[in-house]
Amino acid sequence: MPSIPPAGPPMAPPPIPEHVEVTQPYIPAIRDEQPEFAKRLNPQAAASPTALTGPQPAVTERAATAPPRKRGLMRRVVRRIIGPDLLRKDPPKKRR
């Protein structure tokens, strides 16, 4: 049977710190300038800041090209079992 430690005086909570430092991520929509670490990493970007004057239209280049179609699961399984040559509509000519 596990032993239970005797109940002693309750432990005091840790002291409340006087100053709490909160770090926040860089959010370009809210902050106008780059943070110091970004200036050190990208010195050329700090020299030429790009100012946005208003909302930019979304680029629809992706919609112009259709995404490549994936083969069906059954076709992929059969292709793996019998091989791609036997799955063709016109099988290759047999060599003599």
PDB file of N, CA and C in Angstrom:
ATOM      1  N   MET A   1       0.850  -1.167   0.000  1.00  0.00           N
ATOM      2  CA  MET A   1       0.000   0.000   0.000  1.00  0.00           C
ATOM      3  C   MET A   1       0.904   1.240   0.000  1.00  0.00           C
ATOM      4  N   PRO A   2       0.663   2.184  -0.926  1.00  0.00           N
ATOM      5  CA  PRO A   2       1.533   3.365  -0.978  1.00  0.00           C
ATOM      6  C   PRO A   2       1.316   4.254   0.237  1.00  0.00           C
ATOM      7  N   SER A   3       2.405   4.782   0.673  1.00  0.00           N
ATOM      8  CA  SER A   3       2.314   5.655   1.845  1.00  0.00           C
ATOM      9  C   SER A   3       1.995   7.083   1.401  1.00  0.00           C
ATOM     10  N   ILE A   4       1.158   7.734   2.169  1.00  0.00           N
ATOM     11  CA  ILE A   4       0.752   9.107   1.881  1.00  0.00           C
ATOM     12  C   ILE A   4       1.568  10.020   2.782  1.00  0.00           C
ATOM     13  N   PRO A   5       2.232  11.029   2.194  1.00  0.00           N
ATOM     14  CA  PRO A   5       3.038  11.922   3.032  1.00  0.00           C
ATOM     15  C   PRO A   5       2.138  12.681   4.000  1.00  0.00           C
ATOM     16  N   PRO A   6       2.646  12.971   5.171  1.00  0.00           N
ATOM     17  CA  PRO A   6       1.825  13.686   6.153  1.00  0.00           C
ATOM     18  C   PRO A   6       1.499  15.087   5.663  1.00  0.00           C
ATOM     19  N   ALA A   7       0.310  15.534   6.000  1.00  0.00           N
ATOM     20  CA  ALA A   7      -0.123  16.863   5.577  1.00  0.00           C
ATOM     21  C   ALA A   7       0.617  17.903   6.402  1.00  0.00           C
ATOM     22  N   GLY A   8       1.427  18.698   5.723  1.00  0.00           N
ATOM     23  CA  GLY A   8       2.201  19.736   6.403  1.00  0.00           C
ATOM     24  C   GLY A   8       1.560  21.081   6.155  1.00  0.00           C
ATOM     25  N   PRO A   9       2.273  22.130   6.478  1.00  0.00           N
ATOM     26  CA  PRO A   9       1.734  23.471   6.219  1.00  0.00           C
ATOM     27  C   PRO A   9       1.607  23.683   4.708  1.00  0.00           C
ATOM     28  N   PRO A  10       0.576  24.380   4.259  1.00  0.00           N
ATOM     29  CA  PRO A  10       0.408  24.600   2.818  1.00  0.00           C
ATOM     30  C   PRO A  10       1.575  25.426   2.274  1.00  0.00           C
ATOM     31  N   MET A  11       1.974  25.080   1.037  1.00  0.00           N
ATOM     32  CA  MET A  11       3.103  25.785   0.419  1.00  0.00           C
ATOM     33  C   MET A  11       2.650  27.171  -0.026  1.00  0.00           C
ATOM     34  N   ALA A  12       3.508  28.146   0.178  1.00  0.00           N
ATOM     35  CA  ALA A  12       3.203  29.526  -0.218  1.00  0.00           C
ATOM     36  C   ALA A  12       3.358  29.648  -1.731  1.00  0.00           C
ATOM     37  N   PRO A  13       2.502  30.426  -2.394  1.00  0.00           N
ATOM     38  CA  PRO A  13       2.654  30.611  -3.844  1.00  0.00           C
ATOM     39  C   PRO A  13       3.938  31.382  -4.127  1.00  0.00           C
ATOM     40  N   PRO A  14       4.495  31.207  -5.326  1.00  0.00           N
ATOM     41  CA  PRO A  14       5.731  31.934  -5.653  1.00  0.00           C
ATOM     42  C   PRO A  14       5.476  33.436  -5.648  1.00  0.00           C
ATOM     43  N   PRO A  15       6.503  34.221  -5.373  1.00  0.00           N
ATOM     44  CA  PRO A  15       6.314  35.683  -5.328  1.00  0.00           C
ATOM     45  C   PRO A  15       5.945  36.227  -6.705  1.00  0.00           C
ATOM     46  N   ILE A  16       5.137  37.258  -6.734  1.00  0.00           N
ATOM     47  CA  ILE A  16       4.712  37.876  -7.989  1.00  0.00           C
ATOM     48  C   ILE A  16       5.830  38.799  -8.460  1.00  0.00           C
ATOM     49  N   PRO A  17       6.301  38.623  -9.714  1.00  0.00           N
ATOM     50  CA  PRO A  17       7.389  39.489 -10.201  1.00  0.00           C
ATOM     51  C   PRO A  17       6.894  40.920 -10.401  1.00  0.00           C
ATOM     52  N   GLU A  18       7.824  41.855 -10.216  1.00  0.00           N
ATOM     53  CA  GLU A  18       7.471  43.266 -10.381  1.00  0.00           C
ATOM     54  C   GLU A  18       7.338  43.639 -11.856  1.00  0.00           C
ATOM     55  N   HIS A  19       8.171  43.005 -12.694  1.00  0.00           N
ATOM     56  CA  HIS A  19       8.177  43.357 -14.113  1.00  0.00           C
ATOM     57  C   HIS A  19       8.098  42.069 -14.930  1.00  0.00           C
ATOM     58  N   VAL A  20       7.152  42.006 -15.838  1.00  0.00           N
ATOM     59  CA  VAL A  20       7.014  40.856 -16.729  1.00  0.00           C
ATOM     60  C   VAL A  20       7.259  41.343 -18.146  1.00  0.00           C
ATOM     61  N   GLU A  21       8.222  40.702 -18.830  1.00  0.00           N
ATOM     62  CA  GLU A  21       8.534  41.086 -20.200  1.00  0.00           C
ATOM     63  C   GLU A  21       7.755  40.190 -21.150  1.00  0.00           C
ATOM     64  N   VAL A  22       7.013  40.805 -22.045  1.00  0.00           N
ATOM     65  CA  VAL A  22       6.222  40.060 -23.020  1.00  0.00           C
ATOM     66  C   VAL A  22       6.801  40.345 -24.393  1.00  0.00           C
ATOM     67  N   THR A  23       7.162  39.294 -25.099  1.00  0.00           N
ATOM     68  CA  THR A  23       7.677  39.464 -26.456  1.00  0.00           C
ATOM     69  C   THR A  23       6.569  39.131 -27.428  1.00  0.00           C
ATOM     70  N   GLN A  24       6.446  39.937 -28.458  1.00  0.00           N
ATOM     71  CA  GLN A  24       5.407  39.728 -29.457  1.00  0.00           C
ATOM     72  C   GLN A  24       6.049  39.536 -30.819  1.00  0.00           C
ATOM     73  N   PRO A  25       5.411  38.759 -31.689  1.00  0.00           N
ATOM     74  CA  PRO A  25       5.964  38.572 -33.032  1.00  0.00           C
ATOM     75  C   PRO A  25       5.828  39.844 -33.860  1.00  0.00           C
ATOM     76  N   TYR A  26       6.629  39.922 -34.887  1.00  0.00           N
ATOM     77  CA  TYR A  26       6.591  41.064 -35.795  1.00  0.00           C
ATOM     78  C   TYR A  26       5.361  40.942 -36.690  1.00  0.00           C
ATOM     79  N   ILE A  27       4.476  41.917 -36.639  1.00  0.00           N
ATOM     80  CA  ILE A  27       3.277  41.930 -37.469  1.00  0.00           C
ATOM     81  C   ILE A  27       3.355  43.176 -38.344  1.00  0.00           C
ATOM     82  N   PRO A  28       3.637  43.015 -39.644  1.00  0.00           N
ATOM     83  CA  PRO A  28       3.854  44.189 -40.491  1.00  0.00           C
ATOM     84  C   PRO A  28       2.623  45.067 -40.651  1.00  0.00           C
ATOM     85  N   ALA A  29       1.419  44.537 -40.497  1.00  0.00           N
ATOM     86  CA  ALA A  29       0.223  45.355 -40.675  1.00  0.00           C
ATOM     87  C   ALA A  29       0.060  46.352 -39.538  1.00  0.00           C
ATOM     88  N   ILE A  30       0.629  46.062 -38.383  1.00  0.00           N
ATOM     89  CA  ILE A  30       0.473  46.938 -37.227  1.00  0.00           C
ATOM     90  C   ILE A  30       1.703  47.823 -37.042  1.00  0.00           C
ATOM     91  N   ARG A  31       2.866  47.249 -37.212  1.00  0.00           N
ATOM     92  CA  ARG A  31       4.109  47.962 -36.950  1.00  0.00           C
ATOM     93  C   ARG A  31       4.645  48.570 -38.238  1.00  0.00           C
ATOM     94  N   ASP A  32       5.092  49.810 -38.208  1.00  0.00           N
ATOM     95  CA  ASP A  32       5.547  50.487 -39.414  1.00  0.00           C
ATOM     96  C   ASP A  32       6.983  50.160 -39.783  1.00  0.00           C
ATOM     97  N   GLU A  33       7.819  49.848 -38.831  1.00  0.00           N
ATOM     98  CA  GLU A  33       9.222  49.588 -39.135  1.00  0.00           C
ATOM     99  C   GLU A  33       9.597  48.164 -38.748  1.00  0.00           C
ATOM    100  N   GLN A  34      10.678  47.705 -39.375  1.00  0.00           N
ATOM    101  CA  GLN A  34      11.148  46.354 -39.087  1.00  0.00           C
ATOM    102  C   GLN A  34      11.767  46.301 -37.701  1.00  0.00           C
ATOM    103  N   PRO A  35      11.678  45.164 -37.015  1.00  0.00           N
ATOM    104  CA  PRO A  35      12.351  45.036 -35.728  1.00  0.00           C
ATOM    105  C   PRO A  35      13.863  44.948 -35.924  1.00  0.00           C
ATOM    106  N   GLU A  36      14.595  45.089 -34.843  1.00  0.00           N
ATOM    107  CA  GLU A  36      16.054  45.119 -34.919  1.00  0.00           C
ATOM    108  C   GLU A  36      16.632  43.835 -35.498  1.00  0.00           C
ATOM    109  N   PHE A  37      16.088  42.667 -35.117  1.00  0.00           N
ATOM    110  CA  PHE A  37      16.660  41.419 -35.619  1.00  0.00           C
ATOM    111  C   PHE A  37      16.474  41.309 -37.129  1.00  0.00           C
ATOM    112  N   ALA A  38      15.371  41.838 -37.670  1.00  0.00           N
ATOM    113  CA  ALA A  38      15.154  41.780 -39.108  1.00  0.00           C
ATOM    114  C   ALA A  38      16.089  42.741 -39.833  1.00  0.00           C
ATOM    115  N   LYS A  39      16.410  43.871 -39.213  1.00  0.00           N
ATOM    116  CA  LYS A  39      17.340  44.811 -39.826  1.00  0.00           C
ATOM    117  C   LYS A  39      18.733  44.204 -39.906  1.00  0.00           C
ATOM    118  N   ARG A  40      19.103  43.442 -38.876  1.00  0.00           N
ATOM    119  CA  ARG A  40      20.425  42.815 -38.892  1.00  0.00           C
ATOM    120  C   ARG A  40      20.477  41.671 -39.899  1.00  0.00           C
ATOM    121  N   LEU A  41      19.368  40.941 -40.066  1.00  0.00           N
ATOM    122  CA  LEU A  41      19.361  39.822 -41.003  1.00  0.00           C
ATOM    123  C   LEU A  41      19.294  40.296 -42.447  1.00  0.00           C
ATOM    124  N   ASN A  42      18.519  41.345 -42.718  1.00  0.00           N
ATOM    125  CA  ASN A  42      18.326  41.842 -44.075  1.00  0.00           C
ATOM    126  C   ASN A  42      18.720  43.314 -44.148  1.00  0.00           C
ATOM    127  N   PRO A  43      20.012  43.637 -44.235  1.00  0.00           N
ATOM    128  CA  PRO A  43      20.393  45.055 -44.270  1.00  0.00           C
ATOM    129  C   PRO A  43      19.923  45.757 -45.539  1.00  0.00           C
ATOM    130  N   GLN A  44      19.825  45.061 -46.675  1.00  0.00           N
ATOM    131  CA  GLN A  44      19.388  45.709 -47.905  1.00  0.00           C
ATOM    132  C   GLN A  44      17.897  46.026 -47.862  1.00  0.00           C
ATOM    133  N   ALA A  45      17.107  45.261 -47.146  1.00  0.00           N
ATOM    134  CA  ALA A  45      15.670  45.532 -47.058  1.00  0.00           C
ATOM    135  C   ALA A  45      15.406  46.766 -46.197  1.00  0.00           C
ATOM    136  N   ALA A  46      16.250  47.020 -45.211  1.00  0.00           N
ATOM    137  CA  ALA A  46      16.072  48.187 -44.351  1.00  0.00           C
ATOM    138  C   ALA A  46      16.397  49.475 -45.107  1.00  0.00           C
ATOM    139  N   ALA A  47      17.276  49.384 -46.108  1.00  0.00           N
ATOM    140  CA  ALA A  47      17.655  50.568 -46.859  1.00  0.00           C
ATOM    141  C   ALA A  47      16.541  51.018 -47.802  1.00  0.00           C
ATOM    142  N   SER A  48      15.749  50.073 -48.313  1.00  0.00           N
ATOM    143  CA  SER A  48      14.687  50.437 -49.251  1.00  0.00           C
ATOM    144  C   SER A  48      13.346  49.902 -48.753  1.00  0.00           C
ATOM    145  N   PRO A  49      12.699  50.635 -47.840  1.00  0.00           N
ATOM    146  CA  PRO A  49      11.398  50.170 -47.350  1.00  0.00           C
ATOM    147  C   PRO A  49      10.326  50.342 -48.425  1.00  0.00           C
ATOM    148  N   THR A  50       9.415  49.394 -48.507  1.00  0.00           N
ATOM    149  CA  THR A  50       8.332  49.481 -49.477  1.00  0.00           C
ATOM    150  C   THR A  50       7.078  49.936 -48.748  1.00  0.00           C
ATOM    151  N   ALA A  51       6.551  51.057 -49.181  1.00  0.00           N
ATOM    152  CA  ALA A  51       5.361  51.607 -48.534  1.00  0.00           C
ATOM    153  C   ALA A  51       4.139  51.246 -49.360  1.00  0.00           C
ATOM    154  N   LEU A  52       3.139  50.681 -48.720  1.00  0.00           N
ATOM    155  CA  LEU A  52       1.894  50.355 -49.390  1.00  0.00           C
ATOM    156  C   LEU A  52       0.937  51.525 -49.214  1.00  0.00           C
ATOM    157  N   THR A  53       0.360  51.967 -50.318  1.00  0.00           N
ATOM    158  CA  THR A  53      -0.543  53.103 -50.244  1.00  0.00           C
ATOM    159  C   THR A  53      -1.979  52.677 -50.003  1.00  0.00           C
ATOM    160  N   GLY A  54      -2.311  51.468 -50.337  1.00  0.00           N
ATOM    161  CA  GLY A  54      -3.684  51.000 -50.145  1.00  0.00           C
ATOM    162  C   GLY A  54      -3.748  49.501 -50.333  1.00  0.00           C
ATOM    163  N   PRO A  55      -4.934  48.959 -50.321  1.00  0.00           N
ATOM    164  CA  PRO A  55      -5.064  47.513 -50.518  1.00  0.00           C
ATOM    165  C   PRO A  55      -4.647  47.119 -51.929  1.00  0.00           C
ATOM    166  N   GLN A  56      -3.931  46.035 -52.030  1.00  0.00           N
ATOM    167  CA  GLN A  56      -3.437  45.548 -53.304  1.00  0.00           C
ATOM    168  C   GLN A  56      -4.377  44.462 -53.825  1.00  0.00           C
ATOM    169  N   PRO A  57      -4.648  44.422 -55.145  1.00  0.00           N
ATOM    170  CA  PRO A  57      -5.510  43.366 -55.685  1.00  0.00           C
ATOM    171  C   PRO A  57      -4.803  42.016 -55.617  1.00  0.00           C
ATOM    172  N   ALA A  58      -5.580  40.985 -55.400  1.00  0.00           N
ATOM    173  CA  ALA A  58      -5.025  39.639 -55.308  1.00  0.00           C
ATOM    174  C   ALA A  58      -4.613  39.163 -56.694  1.00  0.00           C
ATOM    175  N   VAL A  59      -3.496  38.473 -56.762  1.00  0.00           N
ATOM    176  CA  VAL A  59      -2.989  37.959 -58.027  1.00  0.00           C
ATOM    177  C   VAL A  59      -3.688  36.633 -58.316  1.00  0.00           C
ATOM    178  N   THR A  60      -4.284  36.505 -59.515  1.00  0.00           N
ATOM    179  CA  THR A  60      -5.010  35.286 -59.876  1.00  0.00           C
ATOM    180  C   THR A  60      -4.243  34.488 -60.922  1.00  0.00           C
ATOM    181  N   GLU A  61      -2.957  34.386 -60.765  1.00  0.00           N
ATOM    182  CA  GLU A  61      -2.139  33.633 -61.705  1.00  0.00           C
ATOM    183  C   GLU A  61      -2.354  32.132 -61.539  1.00  0.00           C
ATOM    184  N   ARG A  62      -2.621  31.692 -60.335  1.00  0.00           N
ATOM    185  CA  ARG A  62      -2.808  30.271 -60.032  1.00  0.00           C
ATOM    186  C   ARG A  62      -4.061  29.717 -60.715  1.00  0.00           C
ATOM    187  N   ALA A  63      -5.117  30.541 -60.846  1.00  0.00           N
ATOM    188  CA  ALA A  63      -6.362  30.069 -61.430  1.00  0.00           C
ATOM    189  C   ALA A  63      -6.234  29.827 -62.932  1.00  0.00           C
ATOM    190  N   ALA A  64      -5.272  30.465 -63.591  1.00  0.00           N
ATOM    191  CA  ALA A  64      -5.120  30.317 -65.031  1.00  0.00           C
ATOM    192  C   ALA A  64      -4.670  28.907 -65.401  1.00  0.00           C
ATOM    193  N   THR A  65      -3.796  28.315 -64.610  1.00  0.00           N
ATOM    194  CA  THR A  65      -3.313  26.969 -64.903  1.00  0.00           C
ATOM    195  C   THR A  65      -4.046  25.973 -64.023  1.00  0.00           C
ATOM    196  N   ALA A  66      -4.563  24.937 -64.655  1.00  0.00           N
ATOM    197  CA  ALA A  66      -5.288  23.912 -63.896  1.00  0.00           C
ATOM    198  C   ALA A  66      -4.287  23.036 -63.151  1.00  0.00           C
ATOM    199  N   PRO A  67      -4.588  22.636 -61.930  1.00  0.00           N
ATOM    200  CA  PRO A  67      -3.662  21.765 -61.202  1.00  0.00           C
ATOM    201  C   PRO A  67      -3.605  20.390 -61.859  1.00  0.00           C
ATOM    202  N   PRO A  68      -2.462  19.719 -61.804  1.00  0.00           N
ATOM    203  CA  PRO A  68      -2.363  18.397 -62.433  1.00  0.00           C
ATOM    204  C   PRO A  68      -3.295  17.406 -61.742  1.00  0.00           C
ATOM    205  N   ARG A  69      -3.967  16.596 -62.550  1.00  0.00           N
ATOM    206  CA  ARG A  69      -4.909  15.626 -61.991  1.00  0.00           C
ATOM    207  C   ARG A  69      -4.152  14.432 -61.446  1.00  0.00           C
ATOM    208  N   LYS A  70      -4.633  13.915 -60.343  1.00  0.00           N
ATOM    209  CA  LYS A  70      -4.022  12.731 -59.757  1.00  0.00           C
ATOM    210  C   LYS A  70      -4.722  11.498 -60.308  1.00  0.00           C
ATOM    211  N   ARG A  71      -3.962  10.433 -60.447  1.00  0.00           N
ATOM    212  CA  ARG A  71      -4.550   9.182 -60.911  1.00  0.00           C
ATOM    213  C   ARG A  71      -5.409   8.591 -59.811  1.00  0.00           C
ATOM    214  N   GLY A  72      -6.408   7.835 -60.202  1.00  0.00           N
ATOM    215  CA  GLY A  72      -7.283   7.196 -59.233  1.00  0.00           C
ATOM    216  C   GLY A  72      -6.533   6.153 -58.421  1.00  0.00           C
ATOM    217  N   LEU A  73      -7.030   5.879 -57.246  1.00  0.00           N
ATOM    218  CA  LEU A  73      -6.383   4.916 -56.358  1.00  0.00           C
ATOM    219  C   LEU A  73      -6.340   3.533 -56.990  1.00  0.00           C
ATOM    220  N   MET A  74      -7.441   3.102 -57.598  1.00  0.00           N
ATOM    221  CA  MET A  74      -7.482   1.773 -58.207  1.00  0.00           C
ATOM    222  C   MET A  74      -6.459   1.665 -59.327  1.00  0.00           C
ATOM    223  N   ARG A  75      -6.360   2.707 -60.148  1.00  0.00           N
ATOM    224  CA  ARG A  75      -5.407   2.681 -61.257  1.00  0.00           C
ATOM    225  C   ARG A  75      -3.977   2.604 -60.735  1.00  0.00           C
ATOM    226  N   ARG A  76      -3.698   3.334 -59.653  1.00  0.00           N
ATOM    227  CA  ARG A  76      -2.341   3.295 -59.098  1.00  0.00           C
ATOM    228  C   ARG A  76      -2.009   1.925 -58.538  1.00  0.00           C
ATOM    229  N   VAL A  77      -2.989   1.270 -57.891  1.00  0.00           N
ATOM    230  CA  VAL A  77      -2.740  -0.062 -57.325  1.00  0.00           C
ATOM    231  C   VAL A  77      -2.504  -1.067 -58.436  1.00  0.00           C
ATOM    232  N   VAL A  78      -3.345  -1.039 -59.473  1.00  0.00           N
ATOM    233  CA  VAL A  78      -3.192  -1.979 -60.588  1.00  0.00           C
ATOM    234  C   VAL A  78      -1.879  -1.726 -61.307  1.00  0.00           C
ATOM    235  N   ARG A  79      -1.526  -0.470 -61.492  1.00  0.00           N
ATOM    236  CA  ARG A  79      -0.276  -0.132 -62.174  1.00  0.00           C
ATOM    237  C   ARG A  79       0.923  -0.687 -61.416  1.00  0.00           C
ATOM    238  N   ARG A  80       0.867  -0.617 -60.081  1.00  0.00           N
ATOM    239  CA  ARG A  80       1.971  -1.134 -59.284  1.00  0.00           C
ATOM    240  C   ARG A  80       2.035  -2.659 -59.371  1.00  0.00           C
ATOM    241  N   ILE A  81       0.881  -3.333 -59.434  1.00  0.00           N
ATOM    242  CA  ILE A  81       0.865  -4.800 -59.448  1.00  0.00           C
ATOM    243  C   ILE A  81       1.296  -5.348 -60.800  1.00  0.00           C
ATOM    244  N   ILE A  82       0.669  -4.903 -61.892  1.00  0.00           N
ATOM    245  CA  ILE A  82       0.950  -5.519 -63.194  1.00  0.00           C
ATOM    246  C   ILE A  82       1.976  -4.751 -64.012  1.00  0.00           C
ATOM    247  N   GLY A  83       2.301  -3.542 -63.620  1.00  0.00           N
ATOM    248  CA  GLY A  83       3.299  -2.772 -64.343  1.00  0.00           C
ATOM    249  C   GLY A  83       2.652  -1.805 -65.312  1.00  0.00           C
ATOM    250  N   PRO A  84       3.331  -0.719 -65.643  1.00  0.00           N
ATOM    251  CA  PRO A  84       2.739   0.313 -66.501  1.00  0.00           C
ATOM    252  C   PRO A  84       2.549  -0.136 -67.948  1.00  0.00           C
ATOM    253  N   ASP A  85       3.382  -1.058 -68.449  1.00  0.00           N
ATOM    254  CA  ASP A  85       3.275  -1.461 -69.852  1.00  0.00           C
ATOM    255  C   ASP A  85       1.984  -2.211 -70.134  1.00  0.00           C
ATOM    256  N   LEU A  86       1.514  -3.051 -69.217  1.00  0.00           N
ATOM    257  CA  LEU A  86       0.304  -3.831 -69.444  1.00  0.00           C
ATOM    258  C   LEU A  86      -0.958  -3.009 -69.224  1.00  0.00           C
ATOM    259  N   LEU A  87      -0.831  -1.826 -68.696  1.00  0.00           N
ATOM    260  CA  LEU A  87      -1.993  -0.996 -68.405  1.00  0.00           C
ATOM    261  C   LEU A  87      -2.350  -0.080 -69.572  1.00  0.00           C
ATOM    262  N   ARG A  88      -1.489   0.003 -70.585  1.00  0.00           N
ATOM    263  CA  ARG A  88      -1.731   0.904 -71.710  1.00  0.00           C
ATOM    264  C   ARG A  88      -2.883   0.407 -72.571  1.00  0.00           C
ATOM    265  N   LYS A  89      -3.522   1.351 -73.264  1.00  0.00           N
ATOM    266  CA  LYS A  89      -4.601   0.964 -74.177  1.00  0.00           C
ATOM    267  C   LYS A  89      -4.035   0.161 -75.340  1.00  0.00           C
ATOM    268  N   ASP A  90      -2.948   0.646 -75.903  1.00  0.00           N
ATOM    269  CA  ASP A  90      -2.271  -0.071 -76.983  1.00  0.00           C
ATOM    270  C   ASP A  90      -0.967  -0.605 -76.421  1.00  0.00           C
ATOM    271  N   PRO A  91      -0.936  -1.896 -76.078  1.00  0.00           N
ATOM    272  CA  PRO A  91       0.300  -2.427 -75.501  1.00  0.00           C
ATOM    273  C   PRO A  91       1.441  -2.347 -76.510  1.00  0.00           C
ATOM    274  N   PRO A  92       2.668  -2.237 -76.024  1.00  0.00           N
ATOM    275  CA  PRO A  92       3.806  -2.140 -76.950  1.00  0.00           C
ATOM    276  C   PRO A  92       3.948  -3.430 -77.763  1.00  0.00           C
ATOM    277  N   LYS A  93       4.517  -3.286 -78.964  1.00  0.00           N
ATOM    278  CA  LYS A  93       4.733  -4.434 -79.845  1.00  0.00           C
ATOM    279  C   LYS A  93       5.718  -5.400 -79.202  1.00  0.00           C
ATOM    280  N   LYS A  94       5.454  -6.690 -79.346  1.00  0.00           N
ATOM    281  CA  LYS A  94       6.359  -7.695 -78.790  1.00  0.00           C
ATOM    282  C   LYS A  94       7.589  -7.810 -79.679  1.00  0.00           C
ATOM    283  N   ARG A  95       8.728  -7.899 -79.044  1.00  0.00           N
ATOM    284  CA  ARG A  95       9.977  -8.051 -79.790  1.00  0.00           C
ATOM    285  C   ARG A  95      10.180  -9.524 -80.101  1.00  0.00           C
ATOM    286  N   ARG A  96      10.701  -9.817 -81.290  1.00  0.00           N
ATOM    287  CA  ARG A  96      10.925 -11.211 -81.687  1.00  0.00           C
ATOM    288  C   ARG A  96      12.374 -11.552 -81.639  1.00  0.00           C
TER     289      ARG A  96
END
